[in-house]
Amino acid sequence: MSRARAVIRRAGAIAIVIGIAMLSYVAGVLLEARAHSHSFRPGTSAAAPRLVDGAAIGEVRIERIGMHAVISQGESDAVLRLGAGHLADTPWPGQPGNVVIAGHRDTVFRPLRNVRPGDLVDVTTETTVAHYQVVSARVVSPADLSVLQPSKENTLTLITCYPFSFVGRAPERFVVRATEVR
């Protein structure tokens, strides 16, 4: 009987250590993302956009749902760990076409679960302030690349994983489409 208790105690101690390690990792990622969120300052340069992978290039805001995220160039895991990422093969915010920004559902894009048509989205870069209005939000398969297709209108596409409460690799994508308003 005492041997069983010792095994249970040891397993409990190991579980606590693993839990503390996991919480420390999450806290570190969140702190790193918060520090990165202060790296963009609107209107600090009139120069051409910096397209260096990982460089902070702007911010995206949806005031009604309390969403604010720094946009960095690129969509690598390292970039998305810090905030939202501008897909390199898509236009710059405010330019004609489909601007695509991706972010993690469990960090910067979590508030998107409350987005609805009509919400206003502001995208600010060093050279541009673009205003968009949400037209739709839908769930698609990760294989559905139609959301990345070019557009003749000035559109903004925000992409994150779905469902929002899923633990692990989410099986679907949540896509918000907005059109520019002048």
C-alpha atoms as a PDB file:
ATOM      1  CA  MET A   1       0.000   0.000   0.000  1.00  0.00           C
ATOM      2  CA  SER A   2       2.760   2.484   0.864  1.00  0.00           C
ATOM      3  CA  ARG A   3       4.523   1.689  -2.412  1.00  0.00           C
ATOM      4  CA  ALA A   4       1.363   2.632  -4.352  1.00  0.00           C
ATOM      5  CA  ARG A   5       1.151   5.923  -2.432  1.00  0.00           C
ATOM      6  CA  ALA A   6       4.784   6.683  -3.232  1.00  0.00           C
ATOM      7  CA  VAL A   7       4.144   6.100  -6.934  1.00  0.00           C
ATOM      8  CA  ILE A   8       1.055   8.326  -6.833  1.00  0.00           C
ATOM      9  CA  ARG A   9       2.972  11.077  -5.005  1.00  0.00           C
ATOM     10  CA  ARG A  10       5.829  10.883  -7.487  1.00  0.00           C
ATOM     11  CA  ALA A  11       3.392  11.010 -10.434  1.00  0.00           C
ATOM     12  CA  GLY A  12       1.670  14.002  -8.838  1.00  0.00           C
ATOM     13  CA  ALA A  13       4.982  15.818  -8.397  1.00  0.00           C
ATOM     14  CA  ILE A  14       5.915  15.125 -12.014  1.00  0.00           C
ATOM     15  CA  ALA A  15       2.522  16.414 -13.186  1.00  0.00           C
ATOM     16  CA  ILE A  16       3.008  19.612 -11.173  1.00  0.00           C
ATOM     17  CA  VAL A  17       6.477  20.175 -12.653  1.00  0.00           C
ATOM     18  CA  ILE A  18       5.149  19.600 -16.184  1.00  0.00           C
ATOM     19  CA  GLY A  19       2.242  21.972 -15.505  1.00  0.00           C
ATOM     20  CA  ILE A  20       4.562  24.691 -14.220  1.00  0.00           C
ATOM     21  CA  ALA A  21       6.825  24.259 -17.261  1.00  0.00           C
ATOM     22  CA  MET A  22       3.861  24.545 -19.643  1.00  0.00           C
ATOM     23  CA  LEU A  23       2.514  27.642 -17.885  1.00  0.00           C
ATOM     24  CA  SER A  24       5.984  29.207 -17.940  1.00  0.00           C
ATOM     25  CA  TYR A  25       6.251  28.600 -21.685  1.00  0.00           C
ATOM     26  CA  VAL A  26       2.826  30.172 -22.349  1.00  0.00           C
ATOM     27  CA  ALA A  27       3.667  33.144 -20.123  1.00  0.00           C
ATOM     28  CA  GLY A  28       6.956  33.608 -21.976  1.00  0.00           C
ATOM     29  CA  VAL A  29       5.263  33.561 -25.382  1.00  0.00           C
ATOM     30  CA  LEU A  30       2.620  36.050 -24.217  1.00  0.00           C
ATOM     31  CA  LEU A  31       5.263  38.372 -22.747  1.00  0.00           C
ATOM     32  CA  GLU A  32       7.319  38.166 -25.933  1.00  0.00           C
ATOM     33  CA  ALA A  33       4.220  38.982 -28.018  1.00  0.00           C
ATOM     34  CA  ARG A  34       3.360  41.905 -25.725  1.00  0.00           C
ATOM     35  CA  ALA A  35       6.883  43.306 -26.042  1.00  0.00           C
ATOM     36  CA  HIS A  36       6.678  42.914 -29.828  1.00  0.00           C
ATOM     37  CA  SER A  37       3.344  44.764 -29.860  1.00  0.00           C
ATOM     38  CA  HIS A  38       5.171  47.912 -28.778  1.00  0.00           C
ATOM     39  CA  SER A  39       7.673  47.697 -31.648  1.00  0.00           C
ATOM     40  CA  PHE A  40       5.414  49.429 -34.194  1.00  0.00           C
ATOM     41  CA  ARG A  41       4.833  53.153 -33.997  1.00  0.00           C
ATOM     42  CA  PRO A  42       2.433  54.590 -36.611  1.00  0.00           C
ATOM     43  CA  GLY A  43       3.710  57.473 -38.683  1.00  0.00           C
ATOM     44  CA  THR A  44       7.350  57.060 -37.699  1.00  0.00           C
ATOM     45  CA  SER A  45       8.557  56.873 -41.275  1.00  0.00           C
ATOM     46  CA  ALA A  46       7.497  58.027 -44.698  1.00  0.00           C
ATOM     47  CA  ALA A  47       9.808  55.488 -46.308  1.00  0.00           C
ATOM     48  CA  ALA A  48       8.689  52.551 -48.403  1.00  0.00           C
ATOM     49  CA  PRO A  49       7.363  49.555 -46.456  1.00  0.00           C
ATOM     50  CA  ARG A  50       9.945  47.240 -44.905  1.00  0.00           C
ATOM     51  CA  LEU A  51       9.389  43.766 -46.268  1.00  0.00           C
ATOM     52  CA  VAL A  52      11.943  42.085 -44.029  1.00  0.00           C
ATOM     53  CA  ASP A  53      10.555  38.836 -42.652  1.00  0.00           C
ATOM     54  CA  GLY A  54       9.569  39.353 -39.020  1.00  0.00           C
ATOM     55  CA  ALA A  55       9.716  43.171 -39.114  1.00  0.00           C
ATOM     56  CA  ALA A  56       6.767  44.960 -37.502  1.00  0.00           C
ATOM     57  CA  ILE A  57       4.984  46.709 -40.370  1.00  0.00           C
ATOM     58  CA  GLY A  58       1.688  47.843 -38.886  1.00  0.00           C
ATOM     59  CA  GLU A  59      -1.247  47.097 -36.690  1.00  0.00           C
ATOM     60  CA  VAL A  60      -4.791  45.851 -37.151  1.00  0.00           C
ATOM     61  CA  ARG A  61      -7.663  46.926 -34.882  1.00  0.00           C
ATOM     62  CA  ILE A  62     -11.300  46.035 -34.537  1.00  0.00           C
ATOM     63  CA  GLU A  63     -12.485  48.307 -31.731  1.00  0.00           C
ATOM     64  CA  ARG A  64     -15.940  46.760 -31.213  1.00  0.00           C
ATOM     65  CA  ILE A  65     -14.464  43.392 -30.219  1.00  0.00           C
ATOM     66  CA  GLY A  66     -11.362  44.800 -28.527  1.00  0.00           C
ATOM     67  CA  MET A  67      -8.895  43.303 -30.980  1.00  0.00           C
ATOM     68  CA  HIS A  68      -5.507  44.895 -31.525  1.00  0.00           C
ATOM     69  CA  ALA A  69      -2.545  43.116 -33.063  1.00  0.00           C
ATOM     70  CA  VAL A  70       0.815  44.130 -34.437  1.00  0.00           C
ATOM     71  CA  ILE A  71       1.302  42.975 -38.014  1.00  0.00           C
ATOM     72  CA  SER A  72       4.722  41.627 -38.924  1.00  0.00           C
ATOM     73  CA  GLN A  73       5.917  40.657 -42.365  1.00  0.00           C
ATOM     74  CA  GLY A  74       5.668  36.936 -43.076  1.00  0.00           C
ATOM     75  CA  GLU A  75       3.724  33.933 -41.894  1.00  0.00           C
ATOM     76  CA  SER A  76       6.375  31.732 -40.288  1.00  0.00           C
ATOM     77  CA  ASP A  77       5.783  30.156 -36.876  1.00  0.00           C
ATOM     78  CA  ALA A  78       8.223  32.663 -35.358  1.00  0.00           C
ATOM     79  CA  VAL A  79       6.287  35.622 -36.804  1.00  0.00           C
ATOM     80  CA  LEU A  80       2.855  34.297 -35.825  1.00  0.00           C
ATOM     81  CA  ARG A  81       4.036  33.534 -32.296  1.00  0.00           C
ATOM     82  CA  LEU A  82       4.498  37.298 -31.809  1.00  0.00           C
ATOM     83  CA  GLY A  83       1.366  38.600 -33.493  1.00  0.00           C
ATOM     84  CA  ALA A  84      -0.314  38.696 -36.872  1.00  0.00           C
ATOM     85  CA  GLY A  85       1.537  38.096 -40.134  1.00  0.00           C
ATOM     86  CA  HIS A  86       1.107  39.744 -43.538  1.00  0.00           C
ATOM     87  CA  LEU A  87       1.343  37.142 -46.290  1.00  0.00           C
ATOM     88  CA  ALA A  88       4.187  38.246 -48.547  1.00  0.00           C
ATOM     89  CA  ASP A  89       2.484  37.439 -51.840  1.00  0.00           C
ATOM     90  CA  THR A  90      -0.485  39.700 -51.106  1.00  0.00           C
ATOM     91  CA  PRO A  91      -0.832  43.465 -51.596  1.00  0.00           C
ATOM     92  CA  TRP A  92       0.076  46.064 -49.007  1.00  0.00           C
ATOM     93  CA  PRO A  93      -2.866  47.390 -46.926  1.00  0.00           C
ATOM     94  CA  GLY A  94      -4.726  50.099 -48.834  1.00  0.00           C
ATOM     95  CA  GLN A  95      -3.554  48.840 -52.216  1.00  0.00           C
ATOM     96  CA  PRO A  96      -5.861  47.180 -54.724  1.00  0.00           C
ATOM     97  CA  GLY A  97      -6.285  43.466 -54.208  1.00  0.00           C
ATOM     98  CA  ASN A  98      -6.688  40.963 -51.402  1.00  0.00           C
ATOM     99  CA  VAL A  99      -4.523  41.842 -48.387  1.00  0.00           C
ATOM    100  CA  VAL A 100      -4.161  38.687 -46.270  1.00  0.00           C
ATOM    101  CA  ILE A 101      -3.218  38.689 -42.598  1.00  0.00           C
ATOM    102  CA  ALA A 102      -2.981  35.520 -40.500  1.00  0.00           C
ATOM    103  CA  GLY A 103      -2.830  35.084 -36.731  1.00  0.00           C
ATOM    104  CA  HIS A 104      -3.175  32.457 -34.024  1.00  0.00           C
ATOM    105  CA  ARG A 105      -6.642  31.880 -32.577  1.00  0.00           C
ATOM    106  CA  ASP A 106      -5.317  31.403 -29.075  1.00  0.00           C
ATOM    107  CA  THR A 107      -3.445  34.715 -28.945  1.00  0.00           C
ATOM    108  CA  VAL A 108      -3.981  37.820 -31.089  1.00  0.00           C
ATOM    109  CA  PHE A 109      -6.976  36.667 -33.164  1.00  0.00           C
ATOM    110  CA  ARG A 110      -9.042  35.150 -30.322  1.00  0.00           C
ATOM    111  CA  PRO A 111     -11.445  38.145 -30.348  1.00  0.00           C
ATOM    112  CA  LEU A 112     -12.400  37.293 -33.950  1.00  0.00           C
ATOM    113  CA  ARG A 113     -14.834  34.753 -32.517  1.00  0.00           C
ATOM    114  CA  ASN A 114     -17.097  37.767 -31.804  1.00  0.00           C
ATOM    115  CA  VAL A 115     -16.728  39.523 -35.175  1.00  0.00           C
ATOM    116  CA  ARG A 116     -19.794  40.188 -37.284  1.00  0.00           C
ATOM    117  CA  PRO A 117     -20.653  41.837 -40.598  1.00  0.00           C
ATOM    118  CA  GLY A 118     -20.513  45.610 -40.368  1.00  0.00           C
ATOM    119  CA  ASP A 119     -17.596  45.713 -37.905  1.00  0.00           C
ATOM    120  CA  LEU A 120     -14.928  48.257 -38.813  1.00  0.00           C
ATOM    121  CA  VAL A 121     -11.321  47.135 -39.220  1.00  0.00           C
ATOM    122  CA  ASP A 122      -8.481  49.670 -39.187  1.00  0.00           C
ATOM    123  CA  VAL A 123      -5.086  48.744 -40.595  1.00  0.00           C
ATOM    124  CA  THR A 124      -2.253  51.198 -39.976  1.00  0.00           C
ATOM    125  CA  THR A 125       1.226  50.976 -41.469  1.00  0.00           C
ATOM    126  CA  GLU A 126       4.055  53.476 -41.581  1.00  0.00           C
ATOM    127  CA  THR A 127       2.727  54.828 -44.871  1.00  0.00           C
ATOM    128  CA  THR A 128      -0.990  54.011 -44.916  1.00  0.00           C
ATOM    129  CA  VAL A 129      -4.149  54.023 -42.855  1.00  0.00           C
ATOM    130  CA  ALA A 130      -6.792  51.780 -44.429  1.00  0.00           C
ATOM    131  CA  HIS A 131     -10.337  51.294 -43.160  1.00  0.00           C
ATOM    132  CA  TYR A 132     -12.288  48.153 -43.952  1.00  0.00           C
ATOM    133  CA  GLN A 133     -15.771  46.903 -43.113  1.00  0.00           C
ATOM    134  CA  VAL A 134     -16.438  43.234 -42.395  1.00  0.00           C
ATOM    135  CA  VAL A 135     -18.595  41.627 -45.065  1.00  0.00           C
ATOM    136  CA  SER A 136     -18.479  37.991 -43.980  1.00  0.00           C
ATOM    137  CA  ALA A 137     -17.010  35.436 -41.614  1.00  0.00           C
ATOM    138  CA  ARG A 138     -16.960  31.768 -42.502  1.00  0.00           C
ATOM    139  CA  VAL A 139     -15.278  28.467 -41.731  1.00  0.00           C
ATOM    140  CA  VAL A 140     -13.289  26.702 -44.444  1.00  0.00           C
ATOM    141  CA  SER A 141     -11.033  23.703 -44.811  1.00  0.00           C
ATOM    142  CA  PRO A 142      -7.264  24.353 -44.570  1.00  0.00           C
ATOM    143  CA  ALA A 143      -7.071  23.068 -48.147  1.00  0.00           C
ATOM    144  CA  ASP A 144      -9.437  25.816 -49.376  1.00  0.00           C
ATOM    145  CA  LEU A 145      -6.992  28.325 -50.846  1.00  0.00           C
ATOM    146  CA  SER A 146      -9.716  30.339 -52.574  1.00  0.00           C
ATOM    147  CA  VAL A 147      -9.582  32.816 -49.681  1.00  0.00           C
ATOM    148  CA  LEU A 148      -6.070  33.781 -50.853  1.00  0.00           C
ATOM    149  CA  GLN A 149      -7.143  34.545 -54.424  1.00  0.00           C
ATOM    150  CA  PRO A 150      -6.517  38.066 -55.750  1.00  0.00           C
ATOM    151  CA  SER A 151      -9.417  40.491 -55.782  1.00  0.00           C
ATOM    152  CA  LYS A 152     -10.205  43.454 -58.007  1.00  0.00           C
ATOM    153  CA  GLU A 153     -11.533  45.418 -55.023  1.00  0.00           C
ATOM    154  CA  ASN A 154      -9.482  46.511 -52.024  1.00  0.00           C
ATOM    155  CA  THR A 155     -10.225  43.671 -49.625  1.00  0.00           C
ATOM    156  CA  LEU A 156      -8.794  42.421 -46.362  1.00  0.00           C
ATOM    157  CA  THR A 157      -8.804  38.765 -45.364  1.00  0.00           C
ATOM    158  CA  LEU A 158      -8.063  37.735 -41.782  1.00  0.00           C
ATOM    159  CA  ILE A 159      -7.346  34.038 -41.231  1.00  0.00           C
ATOM    160  CA  THR A 160      -7.051  32.025 -38.036  1.00  0.00           C
ATOM    161  CA  CYS A 161      -7.554  28.436 -36.942  1.00  0.00           C
ATOM    162  CA  TYR A 162     -10.980  27.114 -35.942  1.00  0.00           C
ATOM    163  CA  PRO A 163     -12.672  26.121 -33.668  1.00  0.00           C
ATOM    164  CA  PHE A 164     -11.466  28.705 -31.182  1.00  0.00           C
ATOM    165  CA  SER A 165     -11.775  26.344 -28.207  1.00  0.00           C
ATOM    166  CA  PHE A 166      -9.966  23.450 -29.882  1.00  0.00           C
ATOM    167  CA  VAL A 167      -6.884  22.065 -28.133  1.00  0.00           C
ATOM    168  CA  GLY A 168      -4.068  21.163 -30.515  1.00  0.00           C
ATOM    169  CA  ARG A 169      -3.960  21.612 -34.281  1.00  0.00           C
ATOM    170  CA  ALA A 170      -7.361  22.910 -35.299  1.00  0.00           C
ATOM    171  CA  PRO A 171      -9.013  21.100 -38.216  1.00  0.00           C
ATOM    172  CA  GLU A 172     -10.517  24.170 -39.932  1.00  0.00           C
ATOM    173  CA  ARG A 173      -9.880  27.855 -40.657  1.00  0.00           C
ATOM    174  CA  PHE A 174     -11.957  30.899 -39.690  1.00  0.00           C
ATOM    175  CA  VAL A 175     -11.880  33.519 -42.441  1.00  0.00           C
ATOM    176  CA  VAL A 176     -13.045  37.117 -42.102  1.00  0.00           C
ATOM    177  CA  ARG A 177     -13.468  39.098 -45.324  1.00  0.00           C
ATOM    178  CA  ALA A 178     -13.718  42.894 -45.316  1.00  0.00           C
ATOM    179  CA  THR A 179     -13.865  45.519 -48.038  1.00  0.00           C
ATOM    180  CA  GLU A 180     -12.162  48.900 -47.906  1.00  0.00           C
ATOM    181  CA  VAL A 181     -14.290  51.932 -47.093  1.00  0.00           C
ATOM    182  CA  ARG A 182     -13.121  55.388 -48.031  1.00  0.00           C
END
